[in-house]
Amino acid sequence: MQTGEAEFKHYAMLRTKCIKSQPQSSVDGRRISIMSRHTLEDGATPDPEIHDDLYDEWWPELAPPARLVGAYYKRGLSWREFEQEYQNFLRRPEVARKITELIDLARNCTVTILCVEDKPDQCHRRLLAEACLEAANDLEVVIQ
């Protein structure tokens, strides 16, 4: 029996999850942390719940700049303002190149991008996934 391309289903996609979720290799594929650091909110103390076996790679280049995170958590920047600033950050040429790399990877294997927020509503992983979808509308994206 010959298998034509139409019969082949490519399961590569981009997913999002909380980094503290237990890895599911059959679902998550390559788990990539997109956090600037793996610390508690003080920015210095290592988060004891985040350890190397929760992610395969770390791409801090896709994390929001520290000044933006500080403005949101410590100085009362609204989520809407954070969202706009992070989206502007994603348009920088060096960051856009990294997004292209992420999209290319997700077209070849399942990739799960990870951040510390429990839910994606107010998390940069959702914004990054949406930016990837905007840049490549054929990409399958699952936001959790």
N, C-alpha and C. Protein backbone atom coordinates (compact mmCIF):
# COMPACT_ATOMS: atom_id res chain seq x y z
N MET A 1 0.84 -1.18 0.00
CA MET A 1 0.00 0.00 0.00
C MET A 1 0.88 1.24 0.00
N GLN A 2 0.60 2.16 -0.88
CA GLN A 2 1.35 3.41 -0.95
C GLN A 2 0.66 4.46 -0.10
N THR A 3 1.46 5.24 0.60
CA THR A 3 0.90 6.30 1.41
C THR A 3 1.14 7.63 0.72
N GLY A 4 0.08 8.31 0.35
CA GLY A 4 0.20 9.62 -0.28
C GLY A 4 0.32 10.70 0.77
N GLU A 5 0.76 11.88 0.36
CA GLU A 5 0.90 12.99 1.30
C GLU A 5 -0.42 13.36 1.95
N ALA A 6 -1.52 13.21 1.24
CA ALA A 6 -2.83 13.58 1.77
C ALA A 6 -3.20 12.71 2.97
N GLU A 7 -2.64 11.50 3.03
CA GLU A 7 -2.97 10.60 4.13
C GLU A 7 -2.10 10.86 5.36
N PHE A 8 -1.03 11.61 5.20
CA PHE A 8 -0.11 11.87 6.29
C PHE A 8 -0.55 13.08 7.09
N LYS A 9 -0.68 12.92 8.40
CA LYS A 9 -1.04 14.03 9.28
C LYS A 9 0.19 14.42 10.09
N HIS A 10 0.67 15.64 9.90
CA HIS A 10 1.83 16.14 10.63
C HIS A 10 1.35 16.74 11.95
N TYR A 11 1.82 16.23 13.06
CA TYR A 11 1.31 16.64 14.36
C TYR A 11 2.13 17.73 15.04
N ALA A 12 3.02 18.35 14.32
CA ALA A 12 3.79 19.44 14.91
C ALA A 12 2.88 20.61 15.21
N MET A 13 3.16 21.28 16.31
CA MET A 13 2.34 22.43 16.72
C MET A 13 3.08 23.22 17.78
N LEU A 14 2.51 24.36 18.12
CA LEU A 14 3.01 25.19 19.21
C LEU A 14 1.97 25.16 20.31
N ARG A 15 2.42 24.81 21.50
CA ARG A 15 1.54 24.75 22.68
C ARG A 15 2.08 25.71 23.74
N THR A 16 1.25 26.05 24.70
CA THR A 16 1.70 26.85 25.85
C THR A 16 1.25 26.17 27.13
N LYS A 17 2.06 26.31 28.18
CA LYS A 17 1.72 25.74 29.50
C LYS A 17 2.49 26.49 30.58
N CYS A 18 2.05 26.26 31.80
CA CYS A 18 2.79 26.72 32.97
C CYS A 18 4.03 25.84 33.13
N ILE A 19 5.16 26.44 33.41
CA ILE A 19 6.41 25.69 33.54
C ILE A 19 6.35 24.68 34.69
N LYS A 20 5.50 24.93 35.66
CA LYS A 20 5.41 24.04 36.82
C LYS A 20 4.55 22.80 36.54
N SER A 21 3.93 22.74 35.37
CA SER A 21 3.16 21.55 35.00
C SER A 21 4.13 20.41 34.71
N GLN A 22 3.74 19.22 35.08
CA GLN A 22 4.60 18.07 34.85
C GLN A 22 4.74 17.80 33.36
N PRO A 23 5.94 17.54 32.90
CA PRO A 23 6.15 17.24 31.48
C PRO A 23 5.37 16.01 31.04
N GLN A 24 4.80 16.11 29.85
CA GLN A 24 4.13 14.99 29.20
C GLN A 24 4.77 14.87 27.82
N SER A 25 5.82 14.08 27.71
CA SER A 25 6.61 14.05 26.48
C SER A 25 5.78 13.71 25.25
N SER A 26 4.75 12.89 25.40
CA SER A 26 3.95 12.53 24.23
C SER A 26 3.06 13.68 23.77
N VAL A 27 2.83 14.67 24.63
CA VAL A 27 1.97 15.81 24.30
C VAL A 27 2.80 17.08 24.08
N ASP A 28 3.76 17.31 24.96
CA ASP A 28 4.50 18.57 24.98
C ASP A 28 5.59 18.68 23.92
N GLY A 29 6.18 17.58 23.53
CA GLY A 29 7.33 17.66 22.63
C GLY A 29 8.47 18.37 23.34
N ARG A 30 9.09 19.32 22.66
CA ARG A 30 10.20 20.09 23.26
C ARG A 30 9.62 21.19 24.12
N ARG A 31 9.99 21.21 25.38
CA ARG A 31 9.52 22.22 26.32
C ARG A 31 10.57 23.32 26.41
N ILE A 32 10.15 24.55 26.07
CA ILE A 32 11.07 25.69 26.05
C ILE A 32 10.60 26.74 27.03
N SER A 33 11.42 27.02 28.02
CA SER A 33 11.13 28.10 28.96
C SER A 33 11.38 29.43 28.25
N ILE A 34 10.42 30.33 28.36
CA ILE A 34 10.57 31.67 27.78
C ILE A 34 10.54 32.71 28.91
N MET A 35 11.06 32.30 30.05
CA MET A 35 11.15 33.19 31.21
C MET A 35 12.52 33.86 31.22
N SER A 36 12.58 35.07 31.76
CA SER A 36 13.87 35.75 31.85
C SER A 36 14.76 35.12 32.91
N ARG A 37 14.14 34.60 33.94
CA ARG A 37 14.88 33.92 35.01
C ARG A 37 13.91 32.98 35.73
N HIS A 38 14.46 32.00 36.41
CA HIS A 38 13.66 31.01 37.12
C HIS A 38 13.74 31.28 38.63
N THR A 39 13.22 32.44 39.01
CA THR A 39 13.31 32.88 40.40
C THR A 39 11.92 33.18 40.96
N LEU A 40 11.90 33.41 42.26
CA LEU A 40 10.68 33.89 42.89
C LEU A 40 10.48 35.35 42.49
N GLU A 41 9.39 35.97 42.93
CA GLU A 41 9.07 37.34 42.52
C GLU A 41 10.13 38.37 42.90
N ASP A 42 11.00 38.04 43.86
CA ASP A 42 12.05 39.00 44.23
C ASP A 42 13.13 39.11 43.15
N GLY A 43 13.10 38.21 42.18
CA GLY A 43 14.05 38.26 41.07
C GLY A 43 15.42 37.71 41.38
N ALA A 44 15.64 37.24 42.60
CA ALA A 44 16.96 36.75 42.98
C ALA A 44 16.93 35.32 43.53
N THR A 45 15.92 35.00 44.33
CA THR A 45 15.84 33.69 44.97
C THR A 45 15.37 32.64 43.96
N PRO A 46 16.16 31.59 43.75
CA PRO A 46 15.72 30.55 42.82
C PRO A 46 14.37 29.96 43.25
N ASP A 47 13.49 29.77 42.30
CA ASP A 47 12.19 29.17 42.58
C ASP A 47 12.40 27.68 42.78
N PRO A 48 12.13 27.16 43.98
CA PRO A 48 12.39 25.74 44.25
C PRO A 48 11.48 24.80 43.45
N GLU A 49 10.41 25.33 42.88
CA GLU A 49 9.49 24.49 42.09
C GLU A 49 9.90 24.40 40.62
N ILE A 50 10.90 25.20 40.22
CA ILE A 50 11.35 25.17 38.82
C ILE A 50 12.74 24.58 38.78
N HIS A 51 12.85 23.43 38.14
CA HIS A 51 14.13 22.77 38.03
C HIS A 51 14.35 22.32 36.60
N ASP A 52 15.58 22.00 36.29
CA ASP A 52 16.00 21.71 34.91
C ASP A 52 15.19 20.61 34.22
N ASP A 53 14.64 19.68 34.97
CA ASP A 53 13.91 18.60 34.30
C ASP A 53 12.49 19.00 33.89
N LEU A 54 12.10 20.25 34.14
CA LEU A 54 10.79 20.74 33.71
C LEU A 54 10.82 21.36 32.31
N TYR A 55 12.02 21.60 31.78
CA TYR A 55 12.14 22.18 30.45
C TYR A 55 13.38 21.61 29.75
N ASP A 56 13.31 21.61 28.41
CA ASP A 56 14.42 21.09 27.62
C ASP A 56 15.39 22.18 27.22
N GLU A 57 14.84 23.38 26.97
CA GLU A 57 15.65 24.51 26.52
C GLU A 57 15.16 25.76 27.22
N TRP A 58 16.00 26.77 27.22
CA TRP A 58 15.66 28.05 27.84
C TRP A 58 15.98 29.14 26.83
N TRP A 59 14.95 29.88 26.42
CA TRP A 59 15.10 30.97 25.46
C TRP A 59 14.71 32.28 26.14
N PRO A 60 15.56 32.83 26.99
CA PRO A 60 15.22 34.08 27.69
C PRO A 60 15.07 35.27 26.74
N GLU A 61 15.54 35.14 25.50
CA GLU A 61 15.41 36.23 24.53
C GLU A 61 13.94 36.56 24.23
N LEU A 62 13.05 35.61 24.51
CA LEU A 62 11.63 35.84 24.25
C LEU A 62 10.86 36.28 25.49
N ALA A 63 11.57 36.42 26.59
CA ALA A 63 10.94 36.89 27.83
C ALA A 63 10.79 38.41 27.77
N PRO A 64 9.79 38.94 28.46
CA PRO A 64 9.68 40.40 28.52
C PRO A 64 10.92 40.99 29.19
N PRO A 65 11.33 42.19 28.78
CA PRO A 65 12.47 42.83 29.44
C PRO A 65 12.20 43.02 30.94
N ALA A 66 13.25 42.97 31.73
CA ALA A 66 13.11 43.08 33.19
C ALA A 66 12.38 44.35 33.61
N ARG A 67 12.66 45.47 32.94
CA ARG A 67 12.00 46.73 33.30
C ARG A 67 10.49 46.64 33.11
N LEU A 68 10.05 45.88 32.10
CA LEU A 68 8.62 45.71 31.83
C LEU A 68 7.98 44.83 32.90
N VAL A 69 8.64 43.76 33.26
CA VAL A 69 8.14 42.87 34.30
C VAL A 69 8.06 43.64 35.63
N GLY A 70 9.09 44.41 35.93
CA GLY A 70 9.08 45.22 37.16
C GLY A 70 7.97 46.24 37.16
N ALA A 71 7.74 46.89 36.04
CA ALA A 71 6.66 47.88 35.95
C ALA A 71 5.30 47.23 36.19
N TYR A 72 5.13 46.01 35.70
CA TYR A 72 3.85 45.31 35.86
C TYR A 72 3.66 44.82 37.29
N TYR A 73 4.65 44.14 37.85
CA TYR A 73 4.50 43.54 39.17
C TYR A 73 4.71 44.52 40.33
N LYS A 74 5.56 45.52 40.14
CA LYS A 74 5.92 46.38 41.26
C LYS A 74 5.41 47.81 41.16
N ARG A 75 5.14 48.28 39.95
CA ARG A 75 4.79 49.69 39.81
C ARG A 75 3.40 49.92 39.22
N GLY A 76 2.58 48.88 39.18
CA GLY A 76 1.19 49.05 38.82
C GLY A 76 0.87 49.25 37.35
N LEU A 77 1.77 48.87 36.45
CA LEU A 77 1.45 48.94 35.03
C LEU A 77 0.26 48.02 34.77
N SER A 78 -0.73 48.49 34.04
CA SER A 78 -1.92 47.67 33.77
C SER A 78 -1.57 46.53 32.82
N TRP A 79 -2.40 45.49 32.83
CA TRP A 79 -2.17 44.38 31.92
C TRP A 79 -2.21 44.86 30.48
N ARG A 80 -3.15 45.72 30.15
CA ARG A 80 -3.28 46.24 28.78
C ARG A 80 -2.00 46.96 28.34
N GLU A 81 -1.43 47.77 29.24
CA GLU A 81 -0.18 48.47 28.92
C GLU A 81 0.97 47.47 28.77
N PHE A 82 1.01 46.48 29.66
CA PHE A 82 2.04 45.43 29.57
C PHE A 82 1.93 44.73 28.23
N GLU A 83 0.72 44.36 27.86
CA GLU A 83 0.46 43.66 26.61
C GLU A 83 0.98 44.46 25.41
N GLN A 84 0.67 45.75 25.38
CA GLN A 84 1.13 46.60 24.28
C GLN A 84 2.65 46.70 24.24
N GLU A 85 3.26 46.90 25.41
CA GLU A 85 4.73 47.00 25.47
C GLU A 85 5.40 45.70 25.05
N TYR A 86 4.86 44.57 25.48
CA TYR A 86 5.46 43.28 25.10
C TYR A 86 5.28 43.03 23.61
N GLN A 87 4.14 43.37 23.06
CA GLN A 87 3.93 43.22 21.62
C GLN A 87 4.90 44.10 20.84
N ASN A 88 5.17 45.29 21.32
CA ASN A 88 6.20 46.15 20.69
C ASN A 88 7.57 45.49 20.77
N PHE A 89 7.88 44.91 21.92
CA PHE A 89 9.15 44.21 22.11
C PHE A 89 9.30 43.07 21.09
N LEU A 90 8.21 42.34 20.84
CA LEU A 90 8.25 41.21 19.91
C LEU A 90 8.52 41.65 18.47
N ARG A 91 8.29 42.92 18.17
CA ARG A 91 8.53 43.43 16.82
C ARG A 91 9.98 43.85 16.57
N ARG A 92 10.80 43.89 17.61
CA ARG A 92 12.21 44.22 17.42
C ARG A 92 12.84 43.18 16.50
N PRO A 93 13.70 43.61 15.59
CA PRO A 93 14.28 42.67 14.61
C PRO A 93 14.93 41.43 15.23
N GLU A 94 15.71 41.61 16.28
CA GLU A 94 16.40 40.47 16.88
C GLU A 94 15.41 39.51 17.54
N VAL A 95 14.32 40.04 18.07
CA VAL A 95 13.30 39.19 18.69
C VAL A 95 12.46 38.53 17.59
N ALA A 96 12.14 39.26 16.56
CA ALA A 96 11.38 38.71 15.43
C ALA A 96 12.12 37.53 14.80
N ARG A 97 13.45 37.61 14.73
CA ARG A 97 14.24 36.49 14.21
C ARG A 97 14.09 35.26 15.10
N LYS A 98 14.08 35.48 16.40
CA LYS A 98 13.93 34.36 17.34
C LYS A 98 12.53 33.76 17.22
N ILE A 99 11.52 34.60 16.98
CA ILE A 99 10.16 34.11 16.77
C ILE A 99 10.10 33.25 15.51
N THR A 100 10.77 33.68 14.46
CA THR A 100 10.83 32.89 13.22
C THR A 100 11.47 31.53 13.50
N GLU A 101 12.50 31.53 14.31
CA GLU A 101 13.16 30.27 14.69
C GLU A 101 12.18 29.37 15.44
N LEU A 102 11.41 29.95 16.34
CA LEU A 102 10.42 29.19 17.10
C LEU A 102 9.34 28.62 16.17
N ILE A 103 8.86 29.42 15.25
CA ILE A 103 7.85 28.97 14.29
C ILE A 103 8.40 27.82 13.45
N ASP A 104 9.61 27.97 12.94
CA ASP A 104 10.22 26.91 12.13
C ASP A 104 10.34 25.61 12.93
N LEU A 105 10.73 25.73 14.17
CA LEU A 105 10.85 24.56 15.03
C LEU A 105 9.48 23.91 15.23
N ALA A 106 8.46 24.72 15.50
CA ALA A 106 7.11 24.20 15.74
C ALA A 106 6.48 23.60 14.48
N ARG A 107 6.99 23.94 13.33
CA ARG A 107 6.51 23.32 12.09
C ARG A 107 7.11 21.93 11.89
N ASN A 108 8.18 21.64 12.62
CA ASN A 108 8.86 20.36 12.48
C ASN A 108 8.66 19.40 13.65
N CYS A 109 8.29 19.93 14.78
CA CYS A 109 8.03 19.09 15.95
C CYS A 109 7.13 19.87 16.90
N THR A 110 6.48 19.18 17.79
CA THR A 110 5.66 19.88 18.77
C THR A 110 6.56 20.61 19.76
N VAL A 111 6.22 21.86 20.01
CA VAL A 111 6.97 22.70 20.94
C VAL A 111 5.98 23.27 21.94
N THR A 112 6.35 23.23 23.21
CA THR A 112 5.54 23.85 24.26
C THR A 112 6.36 24.95 24.90
N ILE A 113 5.84 26.19 24.81
CA ILE A 113 6.52 27.30 25.46
C ILE A 113 5.96 27.45 26.87
N LEU A 114 6.86 27.76 27.79
CA LEU A 114 6.54 27.71 29.21
C LEU A 114 6.83 29.02 29.91
N CYS A 115 5.93 29.39 30.82
CA CYS A 115 6.12 30.53 31.70
C CYS A 115 5.51 30.18 33.05
N VAL A 116 5.73 31.01 34.04
CA VAL A 116 5.33 30.68 35.40
C VAL A 116 3.85 30.89 35.71
N GLU A 117 3.18 31.75 34.96
CA GLU A 117 1.77 32.02 35.25
C GLU A 117 0.95 30.74 35.12
N ASP A 118 0.03 30.55 36.06
CA ASP A 118 -0.80 29.36 36.07
C ASP A 118 -1.75 29.31 34.89
N LYS A 119 -2.34 30.44 34.56
CA LYS A 119 -3.31 30.53 33.45
C LYS A 119 -2.76 31.49 32.39
N PRO A 120 -3.12 31.29 31.13
CA PRO A 120 -2.55 32.09 30.06
C PRO A 120 -3.16 33.49 29.88
N ASP A 121 -4.28 33.76 30.52
CA ASP A 121 -4.99 35.02 30.28
C ASP A 121 -4.08 36.23 30.37
N GLN A 122 -3.33 36.33 31.45
CA GLN A 122 -2.42 37.46 31.64
C GLN A 122 -0.99 36.95 31.74
N CYS A 123 -0.57 36.33 30.65
CA CYS A 123 0.77 35.76 30.60
C CYS A 123 1.38 36.03 29.23
N HIS A 124 2.66 36.32 29.22
CA HIS A 124 3.31 36.63 27.94
C HIS A 124 3.39 35.42 27.02
N ARG A 125 3.27 34.20 27.55
CA ARG A 125 3.32 33.03 26.66
C ARG A 125 2.15 33.04 25.68
N ARG A 126 0.98 33.50 26.14
CA ARG A 126 -0.18 33.62 25.24
C ARG A 126 0.09 34.66 24.17
N LEU A 127 0.65 35.79 24.58
CA LEU A 127 0.94 36.86 23.62
C LEU A 127 1.97 36.39 22.59
N LEU A 128 2.96 35.66 23.03
CA LEU A 128 3.96 35.14 22.10
C LEU A 128 3.32 34.13 21.14
N ALA A 129 2.50 33.24 21.66
CA ALA A 129 1.83 32.26 20.80
C ALA A 129 0.94 32.96 19.77
N GLU A 130 0.25 34.01 20.20
CA GLU A 130 -0.60 34.76 19.27
C GLU A 130 0.25 35.47 18.21
N ALA A 131 1.41 35.97 18.58
CA ALA A 131 2.32 36.60 17.62
C ALA A 131 2.82 35.57 16.61
N CYS A 132 3.10 34.36 17.08
CA CYS A 132 3.53 33.30 16.17
C CYS A 132 2.41 32.96 15.18
N LEU A 133 1.20 32.89 15.68
CA LEU A 133 0.05 32.59 14.81
C LEU A 133 -0.19 33.70 13.80
N GLU A 134 0.00 34.93 14.23
CA GLU A 134 -0.14 36.07 13.33
C GLU A 134 0.91 36.02 12.22
N ALA A 135 2.12 35.62 12.57
CA ALA A 135 3.20 35.55 11.59
C ALA A 135 3.10 34.32 10.69
N ALA A 136 2.43 33.28 11.19
CA ALA A 136 2.31 32.03 10.43
C ALA A 136 0.92 31.46 10.69
N ASN A 137 -0.07 31.96 9.95
CA ASN A 137 -1.46 31.58 10.24
C ASN A 137 -1.77 30.12 9.95
N ASP A 138 -0.84 29.38 9.35
CA ASP A 138 -1.03 27.95 9.14
C ASP A 138 -0.54 27.13 10.33
N LEU A 139 0.07 27.77 11.30
CA LEU A 139 0.63 27.08 12.46
C LEU A 139 -0.51 26.67 13.40
N GLU A 140 -0.48 25.44 13.85
CA GLU A 140 -1.46 25.00 14.84
C GLU A 140 -0.97 25.44 16.22
N VAL A 141 -1.83 26.16 16.94
CA VAL A 141 -1.45 26.70 18.24
C VAL A 141 -2.50 26.30 19.27
N VAL A 142 -2.02 25.78 20.42
CA VAL A 142 -2.90 25.42 21.53
C VAL A 142 -2.44 26.21 22.73
N ILE A 143 -3.32 27.09 23.23
CA ILE A 143 -2.96 27.94 24.37
C ILE A 143 -3.62 27.40 25.63
N GLN A 144 -2.77 27.08 26.62
CA GLN A 144 -3.26 26.56 27.90
C GLN A 144 -2.72 27.40 29.02
